């Protein structure tokens, strides 16, 4: 099998704990697995990197090094499992956020600022793990493919929610406008949260002010007759 085909298959694969770990041999190993994942996650967040060893995980999570190797064939797979869980948590967080915003928004003028505010907070809450996931995605196709699918899901969710108020859009190409608005929102928030390739924020800008002005700007764009 060619290297290109292997990379494509890896990129298309679903990233989940079960896809990068071995099946537990006994019921109590589920609790052990959760301690491994929690310990690895805490170490990643504490060190802001993957600079830890499986021995560190063993000590931090109170699990034997042998049980870690029984479940994960490598540290890479343990990191992938942590990221898989994080992507699932972010998706669930986004689902709750969209449902709440839609419940309290009966018009585009209400939806846009509510959405920008709520989505910004989803990204802020998850920014540390997102940053680490993006760093690994830059060289690991088992993460980059699912990571891209996660990003596309967020974009579809945001644009679909905006298009429910398409009757209030200005201009003629509603889908183009909704997609452009989402991309602007994500790009500005991601940059401010240091989620870009440089890992640095654009400026020391007031977070509350950024959310407010970004909402106003996107609403003006969506309603403009252009």
N, C-alpha and C. Protein backbone atom coordinates (compact mmCIF):
# COMPACT_ATOMS: atom_id res chain seq x y z
N UNK A 1 0.86 -1.20 0.00
CA UNK A 1 0.00 0.00 0.00
C UNK A 1 0.89 1.24 0.00
N UNK A 2 0.56 2.20 -0.84
CA UNK A 2 1.39 3.39 -0.95
C UNK A 2 1.30 4.25 0.30
N UNK A 3 2.33 5.08 0.52
CA UNK A 3 2.33 5.99 1.66
C UNK A 3 1.18 6.98 1.57
N UNK A 4 0.90 7.47 0.36
CA UNK A 4 -0.18 8.43 0.17
C UNK A 4 -1.52 7.81 0.54
N UNK A 5 -1.75 6.55 0.15
CA UNK A 5 -3.00 5.89 0.46
C UNK A 5 -3.14 5.65 1.95
N UNK A 6 -2.04 5.28 2.59
CA UNK A 6 -2.07 5.09 4.05
C UNK A 6 -2.45 6.39 4.75
N UNK A 7 -1.87 7.50 4.29
CA UNK A 7 -2.17 8.80 4.90
C UNK A 7 -3.63 9.17 4.69
N UNK A 8 -4.15 8.86 3.48
CA UNK A 8 -5.55 9.18 3.22
C UNK A 8 -6.48 8.36 4.12
N UNK A 9 -6.17 7.07 4.27
CA UNK A 9 -7.00 6.22 5.12
C UNK A 9 -6.94 6.69 6.57
N UNK A 10 -5.75 7.11 7.01
CA UNK A 10 -5.61 7.61 8.38
C UNK A 10 -6.39 8.89 8.57
N UNK A 11 -6.33 9.77 7.56
CA UNK A 11 -7.03 11.05 7.66
C UNK A 11 -8.54 10.87 7.66
N UNK A 12 -9.02 9.83 6.97
CA UNK A 12 -10.45 9.59 6.88
C UNK A 12 -10.99 8.82 8.07
N UNK A 13 -10.10 8.25 8.89
CA UNK A 13 -10.53 7.42 10.00
C UNK A 13 -11.19 8.26 11.10
N UNK A 14 -12.06 7.62 11.84
CA UNK A 14 -12.67 8.27 12.99
C UNK A 14 -11.73 8.15 14.17
N UNK A 15 -11.46 9.27 14.83
CA UNK A 15 -10.59 9.25 16.00
C UNK A 15 -11.44 9.04 17.24
N UNK A 16 -11.18 7.97 17.95
CA UNK A 16 -11.90 7.67 19.18
C UNK A 16 -10.98 6.88 20.10
N UNK A 17 -11.26 6.91 21.38
CA UNK A 17 -10.43 6.16 22.32
C UNK A 17 -10.33 4.70 21.88
N UNK A 18 -11.46 4.13 21.45
CA UNK A 18 -11.48 2.72 21.07
C UNK A 18 -10.62 2.43 19.84
N UNK A 19 -10.41 3.42 18.99
CA UNK A 19 -9.63 3.20 17.77
C UNK A 19 -8.13 3.27 18.00
N UNK A 20 -7.71 3.78 19.15
CA UNK A 20 -6.27 3.90 19.42
C UNK A 20 -5.85 3.16 20.69
N UNK A 21 -6.75 2.34 21.23
CA UNK A 21 -6.41 1.59 22.44
C UNK A 21 -6.84 0.15 22.30
N UNK A 22 -6.32 -0.69 23.18
CA UNK A 22 -6.68 -2.10 23.18
C UNK A 22 -7.92 -2.32 24.04
N UNK A 23 -8.67 -3.37 23.73
CA UNK A 23 -9.88 -3.69 24.49
C UNK A 23 -9.50 -4.11 25.91
N UNK A 24 -10.21 -3.61 26.92
CA UNK A 24 -9.91 -4.01 28.31
C UNK A 24 -10.17 -5.49 28.54
N UNK A 25 -9.38 -6.07 29.40
CA UNK A 25 -9.52 -7.49 29.69
C UNK A 25 -10.44 -7.75 30.87
N UNK A 26 -10.74 -6.75 31.65
CA UNK A 26 -11.62 -6.93 32.80
C UNK A 26 -12.35 -5.62 33.09
N UNK A 27 -13.49 -5.73 33.78
CA UNK A 27 -14.33 -4.58 34.02
C UNK A 27 -13.64 -3.43 34.72
N UNK A 28 -12.81 -3.75 35.70
CA UNK A 28 -12.21 -2.68 36.48
C UNK A 28 -11.22 -1.85 35.67
N UNK A 29 -10.82 -2.36 34.50
CA UNK A 29 -9.85 -1.61 33.68
C UNK A 29 -10.46 -0.34 33.12
N UNK A 30 -11.79 -0.24 33.10
CA UNK A 30 -12.42 1.00 32.63
C UNK A 30 -12.06 2.16 33.54
N UNK A 31 -12.11 1.94 34.84
CA UNK A 31 -11.72 2.99 35.79
C UNK A 31 -10.25 3.32 35.63
N UNK A 32 -9.44 2.30 35.38
CA UNK A 32 -8.01 2.52 35.18
C UNK A 32 -7.77 3.35 33.92
N UNK A 33 -8.52 3.04 32.86
CA UNK A 33 -8.40 3.81 31.62
C UNK A 33 -8.74 5.27 31.85
N UNK A 34 -9.80 5.52 32.58
CA UNK A 34 -10.20 6.90 32.85
C UNK A 34 -9.12 7.66 33.62
N UNK A 35 -8.45 6.96 34.54
CA UNK A 35 -7.36 7.62 35.28
C UNK A 35 -6.19 7.92 34.36
N UNK A 36 -5.90 7.01 33.44
CA UNK A 36 -4.81 7.24 32.48
C UNK A 36 -5.11 8.48 31.63
N UNK A 37 -6.33 8.52 31.09
CA UNK A 37 -6.71 9.63 30.22
C UNK A 37 -6.72 10.96 30.98
N UNK A 38 -7.24 10.93 32.19
CA UNK A 38 -7.30 12.16 32.99
C UNK A 38 -5.90 12.63 33.36
N UNK A 39 -5.04 11.69 33.73
CA UNK A 39 -3.67 12.05 34.09
C UNK A 39 -2.93 12.64 32.90
N UNK A 40 -3.05 12.00 31.74
CA UNK A 40 -2.37 12.51 30.54
C UNK A 40 -2.91 13.88 30.17
N UNK A 41 -4.21 14.05 30.26
CA UNK A 41 -4.82 15.35 29.95
C UNK A 41 -4.30 16.43 30.89
N UNK A 42 -4.28 16.15 32.18
CA UNK A 42 -3.80 17.13 33.16
C UNK A 42 -2.34 17.48 32.94
N UNK A 43 -1.53 16.50 32.59
CA UNK A 43 -0.11 16.77 32.32
C UNK A 43 0.05 17.62 31.06
N UNK A 44 -0.73 17.34 30.03
CA UNK A 44 -0.67 18.13 28.80
C UNK A 44 -1.04 19.58 29.07
N UNK A 45 -2.10 19.78 29.85
CA UNK A 45 -2.54 21.13 30.15
C UNK A 45 -1.56 21.85 31.07
N UNK A 46 -1.04 21.13 32.04
CA UNK A 46 -0.10 21.74 32.99
C UNK A 46 1.18 22.17 32.30
N UNK A 47 1.68 21.33 31.38
CA UNK A 47 2.96 21.61 30.72
C UNK A 47 2.79 22.29 29.37
N UNK A 48 1.53 22.42 28.94
CA UNK A 48 1.21 23.07 27.67
C UNK A 48 1.94 22.40 26.51
N UNK A 49 2.12 21.11 26.61
CA UNK A 49 2.84 20.37 25.58
C UNK A 49 2.64 18.88 25.83
N UNK A 50 3.27 18.08 24.99
CA UNK A 50 3.27 16.63 25.19
C UNK A 50 4.55 16.17 25.87
N UNK A 51 5.22 17.09 26.53
CA UNK A 51 6.49 16.78 27.17
C UNK A 51 6.26 16.07 28.52
N UNK A 52 5.85 14.83 28.45
CA UNK A 52 5.71 14.00 29.63
C UNK A 52 5.97 12.55 29.22
N UNK A 53 6.23 11.72 30.18
CA UNK A 53 6.49 10.30 29.90
C UNK A 53 5.33 9.45 30.41
N UNK A 54 5.31 8.21 29.98
CA UNK A 54 4.29 7.29 30.49
C UNK A 54 4.52 7.02 31.98
N UNK A 55 5.76 7.14 32.42
CA UNK A 55 6.05 7.01 33.85
C UNK A 55 5.39 8.16 34.62
N UNK A 56 5.41 9.35 34.02
CA UNK A 56 4.72 10.50 34.63
C UNK A 56 3.22 10.22 34.75
N UNK A 57 2.65 9.64 33.70
CA UNK A 57 1.23 9.31 33.71
C UNK A 57 0.94 8.27 34.79
N UNK A 58 1.81 7.28 34.90
CA UNK A 58 1.65 6.23 35.91
C UNK A 58 1.61 6.83 37.31
N UNK A 59 2.53 7.71 37.59
CA UNK A 59 2.61 8.33 38.91
C UNK A 59 1.44 9.29 39.15
N UNK A 60 1.14 10.11 38.16
CA UNK A 60 0.11 11.13 38.31
C UNK A 60 -1.28 10.51 38.42
N UNK A 61 -1.50 9.41 37.70
CA UNK A 61 -2.82 8.81 37.67
C UNK A 61 -2.98 7.61 38.58
N UNK A 62 -1.90 7.27 39.30
CA UNK A 62 -1.95 6.12 40.21
C UNK A 62 -2.35 4.85 39.47
N UNK A 63 -1.71 4.62 38.32
CA UNK A 63 -1.92 3.40 37.55
C UNK A 63 -0.55 2.81 37.24
N UNK A 64 -0.48 1.52 37.14
CA UNK A 64 0.82 0.88 36.89
C UNK A 64 1.26 1.12 35.45
N UNK A 65 2.56 1.17 35.26
CA UNK A 65 3.08 1.35 33.92
C UNK A 65 2.69 0.18 33.03
N UNK A 66 2.60 -1.01 33.65
CA UNK A 66 2.20 -2.19 32.89
C UNK A 66 0.79 -2.07 32.36
N UNK A 67 -0.12 -1.51 33.18
CA UNK A 67 -1.51 -1.38 32.73
C UNK A 67 -1.64 -0.37 31.61
N UNK A 68 -0.76 0.64 31.61
CA UNK A 68 -0.78 1.61 30.51
C UNK A 68 -0.39 0.93 29.21
N UNK A 69 0.68 0.13 29.26
CA UNK A 69 1.13 -0.56 28.04
C UNK A 69 0.15 -1.64 27.60
N UNK A 70 -0.61 -2.19 28.53
CA UNK A 70 -1.63 -3.16 28.15
C UNK A 70 -2.74 -2.48 27.37
N UNK A 71 -2.98 -1.22 27.67
CA UNK A 71 -4.08 -0.48 27.01
C UNK A 71 -3.61 0.30 25.79
N UNK A 72 -2.42 0.88 25.86
CA UNK A 72 -1.91 1.70 24.75
C UNK A 72 -0.54 1.19 24.32
N UNK A 73 -0.38 1.00 23.04
CA UNK A 73 0.90 0.48 22.56
C UNK A 73 1.98 1.56 22.53
N UNK A 74 1.57 2.83 22.67
CA UNK A 74 2.55 3.91 22.63
C UNK A 74 1.99 5.15 23.31
N UNK A 75 2.88 6.06 23.66
CA UNK A 75 2.46 7.35 24.20
C UNK A 75 1.65 8.12 23.16
N UNK A 76 2.02 8.00 21.88
CA UNK A 76 1.28 8.68 20.82
C UNK A 76 -0.19 8.31 20.85
N UNK A 77 -0.47 7.02 21.03
CA UNK A 77 -1.87 6.60 21.06
C UNK A 77 -2.61 7.12 22.29
N UNK A 78 -1.90 7.24 23.40
CA UNK A 78 -2.51 7.82 24.60
C UNK A 78 -2.86 9.29 24.34
N UNK A 79 -1.96 10.03 23.73
CA UNK A 79 -2.22 11.43 23.40
C UNK A 79 -3.39 11.53 22.44
N UNK A 80 -3.42 10.65 21.44
CA UNK A 80 -4.54 10.66 20.49
C UNK A 80 -5.86 10.41 21.19
N UNK A 81 -5.85 9.51 22.18
CA UNK A 81 -7.08 9.22 22.92
C UNK A 81 -7.54 10.44 23.71
N UNK A 82 -6.61 11.16 24.30
CA UNK A 82 -6.96 12.39 25.02
C UNK A 82 -7.60 13.39 24.06
N UNK A 83 -7.01 13.54 22.89
CA UNK A 83 -7.53 14.48 21.90
C UNK A 83 -8.89 14.02 21.40
N UNK A 84 -9.07 12.71 21.20
CA UNK A 84 -10.37 12.18 20.77
C UNK A 84 -11.46 12.56 21.76
N UNK A 85 -11.17 12.37 23.05
CA UNK A 85 -12.14 12.76 24.08
C UNK A 85 -12.43 14.25 24.04
N UNK A 86 -11.37 15.04 23.85
CA UNK A 86 -11.53 16.50 23.81
C UNK A 86 -12.41 16.93 22.65
N UNK A 87 -12.22 16.32 21.48
CA UNK A 87 -13.04 16.68 20.32
C UNK A 87 -14.51 16.33 20.56
N UNK A 88 -14.74 15.19 21.21
CA UNK A 88 -16.13 14.81 21.55
C UNK A 88 -16.75 15.80 22.53
N UNK A 89 -15.97 16.22 23.51
CA UNK A 89 -16.47 17.17 24.51
C UNK A 89 -16.77 18.52 23.87
N UNK A 90 -15.92 18.96 22.97
CA UNK A 90 -16.13 20.23 22.29
C UNK A 90 -17.39 20.17 21.43
N UNK A 91 -17.59 19.05 20.73
CA UNK A 91 -18.79 18.90 19.91
C UNK A 91 -20.04 18.98 20.77
N UNK A 92 -20.02 18.31 21.92
CA UNK A 92 -21.17 18.35 22.83
C UNK A 92 -21.38 19.76 23.38
N UNK A 93 -20.28 20.45 23.67
CA UNK A 93 -20.35 21.83 24.17
C UNK A 93 -20.98 22.73 23.11
N UNK A 94 -20.58 22.55 21.86
CA UNK A 94 -21.14 23.35 20.76
C UNK A 94 -22.62 23.06 20.57
N UNK A 95 -23.02 21.79 20.69
CA UNK A 95 -24.43 21.43 20.54
C UNK A 95 -25.29 22.14 21.59
N UNK A 96 -24.82 22.12 22.83
CA UNK A 96 -25.55 22.80 23.90
C UNK A 96 -25.61 24.30 23.65
N UNK A 97 -24.50 24.84 23.20
CA UNK A 97 -24.43 26.28 22.95
C UNK A 97 -25.41 26.71 21.87
N UNK A 98 -25.45 25.99 20.75
CA UNK A 98 -26.34 26.34 19.66
C UNK A 98 -27.80 26.25 20.11
N UNK A 99 -28.13 25.20 20.84
CA UNK A 99 -29.50 25.02 21.31
C UNK A 99 -29.92 26.18 22.21
N UNK A 100 -29.04 26.61 23.09
CA UNK A 100 -29.35 27.71 23.99
C UNK A 100 -29.50 29.03 23.24
N UNK A 101 -28.60 29.28 22.29
CA UNK A 101 -28.65 30.53 21.53
C UNK A 101 -29.92 30.59 20.69
N UNK A 102 -30.26 29.48 20.05
CA UNK A 102 -31.46 29.47 19.21
C UNK A 102 -32.73 29.66 20.04
N UNK A 103 -32.72 29.12 21.26
CA UNK A 103 -33.89 29.25 22.13
C UNK A 103 -34.19 30.71 22.46
N UNK A 104 -33.14 31.50 22.65
CA UNK A 104 -33.35 32.89 23.05
C UNK A 104 -33.20 33.89 21.91
N UNK A 105 -33.21 33.41 20.66
CA UNK A 105 -33.03 34.30 19.51
C UNK A 105 -34.17 34.12 18.52
N UNK A 106 -35.02 35.12 18.41
CA UNK A 106 -36.14 35.05 17.48
C UNK A 106 -35.89 35.85 16.21
N UNK A 107 -34.73 36.48 16.13
CA UNK A 107 -34.39 37.28 14.95
C UNK A 107 -32.89 37.22 14.73
N UNK A 108 -32.48 37.62 13.53
CA UNK A 108 -31.06 37.66 13.21
C UNK A 108 -30.33 38.64 14.13
N UNK A 109 -30.97 39.76 14.42
CA UNK A 109 -30.35 40.78 15.28
C UNK A 109 -30.09 40.25 16.68
N UNK A 110 -30.90 39.30 17.13
CA UNK A 110 -30.67 38.68 18.42
C UNK A 110 -29.66 37.54 18.31
N UNK A 111 -29.80 36.74 17.24
CA UNK A 111 -28.97 35.56 17.09
C UNK A 111 -27.48 35.88 16.98
N UNK A 112 -27.12 36.80 16.10
CA UNK A 112 -25.69 37.02 15.82
C UNK A 112 -24.88 37.39 17.07
N UNK A 113 -25.27 38.40 17.83
CA UNK A 113 -24.46 38.72 19.02
C UNK A 113 -24.47 37.60 20.06
N UNK A 114 -25.62 36.92 20.22
CA UNK A 114 -25.68 35.80 21.16
C UNK A 114 -24.73 34.68 20.71
N UNK A 115 -24.74 34.40 19.41
CA UNK A 115 -23.89 33.33 18.88
C UNK A 115 -22.42 33.66 19.03
N UNK A 116 -22.03 34.86 18.66
CA UNK A 116 -20.62 35.25 18.78
C UNK A 116 -20.16 35.15 20.24
N UNK A 117 -20.96 35.67 21.15
CA UNK A 117 -20.63 35.61 22.57
C UNK A 117 -20.49 34.16 23.05
N UNK A 118 -21.46 33.32 22.72
CA UNK A 118 -21.46 31.94 23.21
C UNK A 118 -20.37 31.10 22.55
N UNK A 119 -20.19 31.25 21.25
CA UNK A 119 -19.17 30.48 20.54
C UNK A 119 -17.77 30.88 21.01
N UNK A 120 -17.60 32.16 21.25
CA UNK A 120 -16.31 32.64 21.76
C UNK A 120 -15.96 31.96 23.08
N UNK A 121 -16.96 31.78 23.93
CA UNK A 121 -16.71 31.16 25.22
C UNK A 121 -16.46 29.66 25.10
N UNK A 122 -17.09 29.01 24.12
CA UNK A 122 -16.79 27.59 23.86
C UNK A 122 -15.31 27.45 23.47
N UNK A 123 -14.87 28.31 22.56
CA UNK A 123 -13.47 28.25 22.13
C UNK A 123 -12.52 28.60 23.28
N UNK A 124 -12.89 29.60 24.07
CA UNK A 124 -12.02 30.00 25.18
C UNK A 124 -11.89 28.87 26.20
N UNK A 125 -13.00 28.24 26.55
CA UNK A 125 -12.96 27.14 27.54
C UNK A 125 -12.09 25.99 27.07
N UNK A 126 -12.09 25.76 25.77
CA UNK A 126 -11.38 24.59 25.24
C UNK A 126 -10.07 24.95 24.53
N UNK A 127 -9.65 26.19 24.67
CA UNK A 127 -8.51 26.67 23.87
C UNK A 127 -7.21 25.93 24.14
N UNK A 128 -6.96 25.57 25.38
CA UNK A 128 -5.68 24.91 25.69
C UNK A 128 -5.56 23.56 25.00
N UNK A 129 -6.62 22.75 25.07
CA UNK A 129 -6.58 21.45 24.40
C UNK A 129 -6.67 21.59 22.89
N UNK A 130 -7.43 22.58 22.41
CA UNK A 130 -7.49 22.81 20.97
C UNK A 130 -6.11 23.16 20.42
N UNK A 131 -5.39 23.97 21.17
CA UNK A 131 -4.05 24.37 20.73
C UNK A 131 -3.14 23.15 20.61
N UNK A 132 -3.19 22.27 21.59
CA UNK A 132 -2.37 21.06 21.56
C UNK A 132 -2.81 20.12 20.44
N UNK A 133 -4.12 20.03 20.23
CA UNK A 133 -4.63 19.18 19.14
C UNK A 133 -4.17 19.71 17.79
N UNK A 134 -4.18 21.03 17.62
CA UNK A 134 -3.75 21.62 16.35
C UNK A 134 -2.26 21.41 16.13
N UNK A 135 -1.49 21.49 17.19
CA UNK A 135 -0.05 21.25 17.06
C UNK A 135 0.22 19.83 16.61
N UNK A 136 -0.49 18.85 17.19
CA UNK A 136 -0.28 17.45 16.79
C UNK A 136 -0.82 17.22 15.39
N UNK A 137 -1.91 17.86 15.04
CA UNK A 137 -2.49 17.67 13.70
C UNK A 137 -1.53 18.09 12.60
N UNK A 138 -0.59 18.97 12.93
CA UNK A 138 0.36 19.45 11.92
C UNK A 138 1.31 18.35 11.44
N UNK A 139 1.41 17.24 12.21
CA UNK A 139 2.31 16.16 11.77
C UNK A 139 1.70 14.77 11.91
N UNK A 140 0.50 14.67 12.48
CA UNK A 140 -0.10 13.37 12.74
C UNK A 140 -1.41 13.23 11.96
N UNK A 141 -1.43 12.44 10.87
CA UNK A 141 -2.64 12.31 10.07
C UNK A 141 -3.80 11.66 10.81
N UNK A 142 -3.52 10.89 11.86
CA UNK A 142 -4.58 10.28 12.64
C UNK A 142 -5.36 11.32 13.44
N UNK A 143 -4.76 12.50 13.61
CA UNK A 143 -5.43 13.60 14.29
C UNK A 143 -5.88 14.67 13.30
N UNK A 144 -5.09 14.90 12.26
CA UNK A 144 -5.42 15.99 11.33
C UNK A 144 -6.72 15.75 10.58
N UNK A 145 -6.97 14.51 10.15
CA UNK A 145 -8.21 14.21 9.44
C UNK A 145 -9.44 14.44 10.30
N UNK A 146 -9.52 13.76 11.46
CA UNK A 146 -10.66 14.00 12.35
C UNK A 146 -10.74 15.44 12.84
N UNK A 147 -9.59 16.08 13.03
CA UNK A 147 -9.60 17.47 13.45
C UNK A 147 -10.24 18.36 12.39
N UNK A 148 -9.94 18.08 11.13
CA UNK A 148 -10.55 18.85 10.03
C UNK A 148 -12.05 18.61 10.00
N UNK A 149 -12.46 17.37 10.20
CA UNK A 149 -13.89 17.07 10.20
C UNK A 149 -14.60 17.79 11.35
N UNK A 150 -13.93 17.89 12.49
CA UNK A 150 -14.49 18.61 13.63
C UNK A 150 -14.67 20.09 13.29
N UNK A 151 -13.67 20.66 12.62
CA UNK A 151 -13.74 22.07 12.23
C UNK A 151 -14.86 22.30 11.22
N UNK A 152 -15.01 21.37 10.27
CA UNK A 152 -16.07 21.49 9.27
C UNK A 152 -17.45 21.36 9.92
N UNK A 153 -17.54 20.52 10.93
CA UNK A 153 -18.81 20.36 11.65
C UNK A 153 -19.19 21.67 12.33
N UNK A 154 -18.22 22.32 12.96
CA UNK A 154 -18.48 23.61 13.61
C UNK A 154 -18.95 24.65 12.60
N UNK A 155 -18.30 24.66 11.44
CA UNK A 155 -18.68 25.62 10.41
C UNK A 155 -20.09 25.36 9.90
N UNK A 156 -20.41 24.09 9.64
CA UNK A 156 -21.76 23.76 9.18
C UNK A 156 -22.81 24.15 10.22
N UNK A 157 -22.50 23.88 11.47
CA UNK A 157 -23.44 24.17 12.54
C UNK A 157 -23.71 25.67 12.63
N UNK A 158 -22.64 26.46 12.57
CA UNK A 158 -22.79 27.91 12.66
C UNK A 158 -23.53 28.50 11.48
N UNK A 159 -23.17 28.08 10.26
CA UNK A 159 -23.81 28.64 9.08
C UNK A 159 -25.27 28.19 8.98
N UNK A 160 -25.55 26.93 9.34
CA UNK A 160 -26.93 26.45 9.31
C UNK A 160 -27.81 27.26 10.26
N UNK A 161 -27.30 27.55 11.43
CA UNK A 161 -28.05 28.34 12.41
C UNK A 161 -28.30 29.75 11.89
N UNK A 162 -27.30 30.36 11.25
CA UNK A 162 -27.48 31.70 10.68
C UNK A 162 -28.54 31.68 9.58
N UNK A 163 -28.50 30.65 8.75
CA UNK A 163 -29.41 30.59 7.60
C UNK A 163 -30.87 30.39 8.00
N UNK A 164 -31.12 30.04 9.23
CA UNK A 164 -32.51 29.98 9.70
C UNK A 164 -33.14 31.37 9.72
N UNK A 165 -32.28 32.39 9.68
CA UNK A 165 -32.75 33.78 9.64
C UNK A 165 -32.44 34.42 8.29
N UNK A 166 -32.32 33.59 7.24
CA UNK A 166 -31.92 34.09 5.93
C UNK A 166 -32.86 35.13 5.37
N UNK A 167 -34.11 35.11 5.76
CA UNK A 167 -35.07 36.10 5.25
C UNK A 167 -34.67 37.51 5.64
N UNK A 168 -33.83 37.64 6.66
CA UNK A 168 -33.39 38.96 7.12
C UNK A 168 -32.04 39.36 6.54
N UNK A 169 -31.44 38.48 5.73
CA UNK A 169 -30.17 38.80 5.08
C UNK A 169 -30.38 39.85 4.01
N UNK A 170 -29.34 40.63 3.77
CA UNK A 170 -29.34 41.52 2.62
C UNK A 170 -28.63 40.83 1.48
N UNK A 171 -28.74 41.34 0.28
CA UNK A 171 -28.07 40.72 -0.85
C UNK A 171 -28.82 39.50 -1.35
N UNK A 172 -28.12 38.66 -2.13
CA UNK A 172 -28.79 37.52 -2.76
C UNK A 172 -28.19 36.17 -2.42
N UNK A 173 -26.89 36.09 -2.17
CA UNK A 173 -26.24 34.79 -1.94
C UNK A 173 -26.15 34.54 -0.43
N UNK A 174 -27.21 33.99 0.14
CA UNK A 174 -27.27 33.81 1.59
C UNK A 174 -26.23 32.82 2.12
N UNK A 175 -26.04 31.72 1.40
CA UNK A 175 -25.08 30.71 1.87
C UNK A 175 -23.66 31.27 1.88
N UNK A 176 -23.32 32.01 0.84
CA UNK A 176 -21.99 32.63 0.79
C UNK A 176 -21.80 33.58 1.96
N UNK A 177 -22.82 34.38 2.24
CA UNK A 177 -22.71 35.34 3.33
C UNK A 177 -22.58 34.64 4.69
N UNK A 178 -23.39 33.61 4.91
CA UNK A 178 -23.35 32.90 6.19
C UNK A 178 -21.99 32.25 6.39
N UNK A 179 -21.47 31.63 5.34
CA UNK A 179 -20.17 30.98 5.45
C UNK A 179 -19.06 32.00 5.69
N UNK A 180 -19.11 33.13 4.98
CA UNK A 180 -18.10 34.18 5.17
C UNK A 180 -18.16 34.73 6.58
N UNK A 181 -19.37 34.93 7.10
CA UNK A 181 -19.51 35.45 8.46
C UNK A 181 -18.92 34.48 9.47
N UNK A 182 -19.20 33.19 9.29
CA UNK A 182 -18.63 32.20 10.22
C UNK A 182 -17.11 32.23 10.16
N UNK A 183 -16.55 32.25 8.96
CA UNK A 183 -15.09 32.23 8.83
C UNK A 183 -14.46 33.44 9.49
N UNK A 184 -15.10 34.59 9.37
CA UNK A 184 -14.59 35.81 10.01
C UNK A 184 -14.64 35.65 11.53
N UNK A 185 -15.76 35.15 12.03
CA UNK A 185 -15.92 34.97 13.48
C UNK A 185 -14.85 34.03 14.01
N UNK A 186 -14.71 32.87 13.37
CA UNK A 186 -13.74 31.90 13.86
C UNK A 186 -12.31 32.43 13.77
N UNK A 187 -11.98 33.03 12.63
CA UNK A 187 -10.61 33.50 12.43
C UNK A 187 -10.20 34.53 13.49
N UNK A 188 -11.09 35.47 13.78
CA UNK A 188 -10.76 36.51 14.75
C UNK A 188 -10.65 35.95 16.17
N UNK A 189 -11.58 35.06 16.52
CA UNK A 189 -11.54 34.49 17.86
C UNK A 189 -10.34 33.57 18.02
N UNK A 190 -10.07 32.75 17.01
CA UNK A 190 -8.95 31.82 17.07
C UNK A 190 -7.62 32.57 17.18
N UNK A 191 -7.51 33.65 16.44
CA UNK A 191 -6.29 34.44 16.49
C UNK A 191 -6.09 35.04 17.88
N UNK A 192 -7.17 35.55 18.45
CA UNK A 192 -7.06 36.15 19.77
C UNK A 192 -6.74 35.12 20.85
N UNK A 193 -7.18 33.87 20.63
CA UNK A 193 -6.95 32.80 21.60
C UNK A 193 -5.67 32.02 21.30
N UNK A 194 -4.87 32.52 20.38
CA UNK A 194 -3.59 31.89 20.02
C UNK A 194 -3.77 30.49 19.46
N UNK A 195 -4.82 30.32 18.65
CA UNK A 195 -5.05 29.02 18.02
C UNK A 195 -4.49 28.97 16.61
N UNK A 196 -3.86 30.02 16.17
CA UNK A 196 -3.29 30.04 14.83
C UNK A 196 -1.97 29.31 14.76
N UNK A 197 -1.39 29.27 13.57
CA UNK A 197 -0.14 28.54 13.36
C UNK A 197 1.03 29.14 14.13
N UNK A 198 0.96 30.45 14.42
CA UNK A 198 2.06 31.08 15.15
C UNK A 198 1.97 30.87 16.65
N UNK A 199 0.78 30.51 17.13
CA UNK A 199 0.61 30.32 18.56
C UNK A 199 0.60 31.61 19.35
N UNK A 200 0.44 32.75 18.66
CA UNK A 200 0.43 34.04 19.32
C UNK A 200 -0.85 34.79 19.01
N UNK A 201 -1.36 35.54 19.98
CA UNK A 201 -2.57 36.32 19.74
C UNK A 201 -2.23 37.54 18.90
N UNK A 202 -3.25 38.07 18.23
CA UNK A 202 -3.02 39.22 17.35
C UNK A 202 -2.62 40.46 18.13
N UNK A 203 -3.27 40.66 19.28
CA UNK A 203 -2.99 41.83 20.10
C UNK A 203 -3.61 41.62 21.47
N UNK A 204 -3.19 42.46 22.39
CA UNK A 204 -3.77 42.39 23.74
C UNK A 204 -5.07 43.16 23.72
N UNK A 205 -6.09 42.57 23.11
CA UNK A 205 -7.37 43.25 22.88
C UNK A 205 -8.37 42.84 23.94
N UNK A 206 -9.18 43.76 24.39
CA UNK A 206 -10.18 43.46 25.40
C UNK A 206 -11.15 42.41 24.88
N UNK A 207 -11.26 41.29 25.59
CA UNK A 207 -12.03 40.14 25.13
C UNK A 207 -13.51 40.48 24.99
N UNK A 208 -14.08 41.13 25.99
CA UNK A 208 -15.50 41.49 25.94
C UNK A 208 -15.78 42.45 24.79
N UNK A 209 -14.88 43.40 24.59
CA UNK A 209 -15.05 44.36 23.49
C UNK A 209 -14.94 43.66 22.14
N UNK A 210 -14.01 42.74 22.03
CA UNK A 210 -13.84 42.00 20.77
C UNK A 210 -15.13 41.26 20.42
N UNK A 211 -15.71 40.56 21.39
CA UNK A 211 -16.93 39.80 21.13
C UNK A 211 -18.07 40.73 20.71
N UNK A 212 -18.20 41.84 21.40
CA UNK A 212 -19.28 42.78 21.10
C UNK A 212 -19.13 43.37 19.70
N UNK A 213 -17.95 43.85 19.36
CA UNK A 213 -17.74 44.50 18.06
C UNK A 213 -17.78 43.48 16.93
N UNK A 214 -17.32 42.26 17.19
CA UNK A 214 -17.37 41.22 16.16
C UNK A 214 -18.82 40.88 15.84
N UNK A 215 -19.66 40.81 16.86
CA UNK A 215 -21.08 40.56 16.63
C UNK A 215 -21.72 41.67 15.82
N UNK A 216 -21.41 42.90 16.16
CA UNK A 216 -21.98 44.05 15.44
C UNK A 216 -21.51 44.06 13.98
N UNK A 217 -20.25 43.77 13.77
CA UNK A 217 -19.70 43.79 12.43
C UNK A 217 -20.35 42.73 11.54
N UNK A 218 -20.49 41.51 12.09
CA UNK A 218 -21.06 40.41 11.29
C UNK A 218 -22.55 40.64 11.03
N UNK A 219 -23.27 41.22 11.97
CA UNK A 219 -24.67 41.53 11.75
C UNK A 219 -24.81 42.57 10.64
N UNK A 220 -23.96 43.58 10.67
CA UNK A 220 -24.00 44.62 9.63
C UNK A 220 -23.71 44.02 8.25
N UNK A 221 -22.76 43.10 8.20
CA UNK A 221 -22.41 42.46 6.93
C UNK A 221 -23.57 41.60 6.41
N UNK A 222 -24.15 40.79 7.30
CA UNK A 222 -25.23 39.90 6.88
C UNK A 222 -26.47 40.66 6.39
N UNK A 223 -26.73 41.79 6.98
CA UNK A 223 -27.94 42.55 6.61
C UNK A 223 -27.70 43.57 5.49
N UNK A 224 -26.43 43.80 5.15
CA UNK A 224 -26.13 44.79 4.11
C UNK A 224 -26.59 44.28 2.75
N UNK A 225 -27.10 45.18 1.93
CA UNK A 225 -27.60 44.81 0.60
C UNK A 225 -26.45 44.79 -0.40
N UNK A 226 -25.56 43.85 -0.20
CA UNK A 226 -24.39 43.72 -1.09
C UNK A 226 -24.20 42.26 -1.47
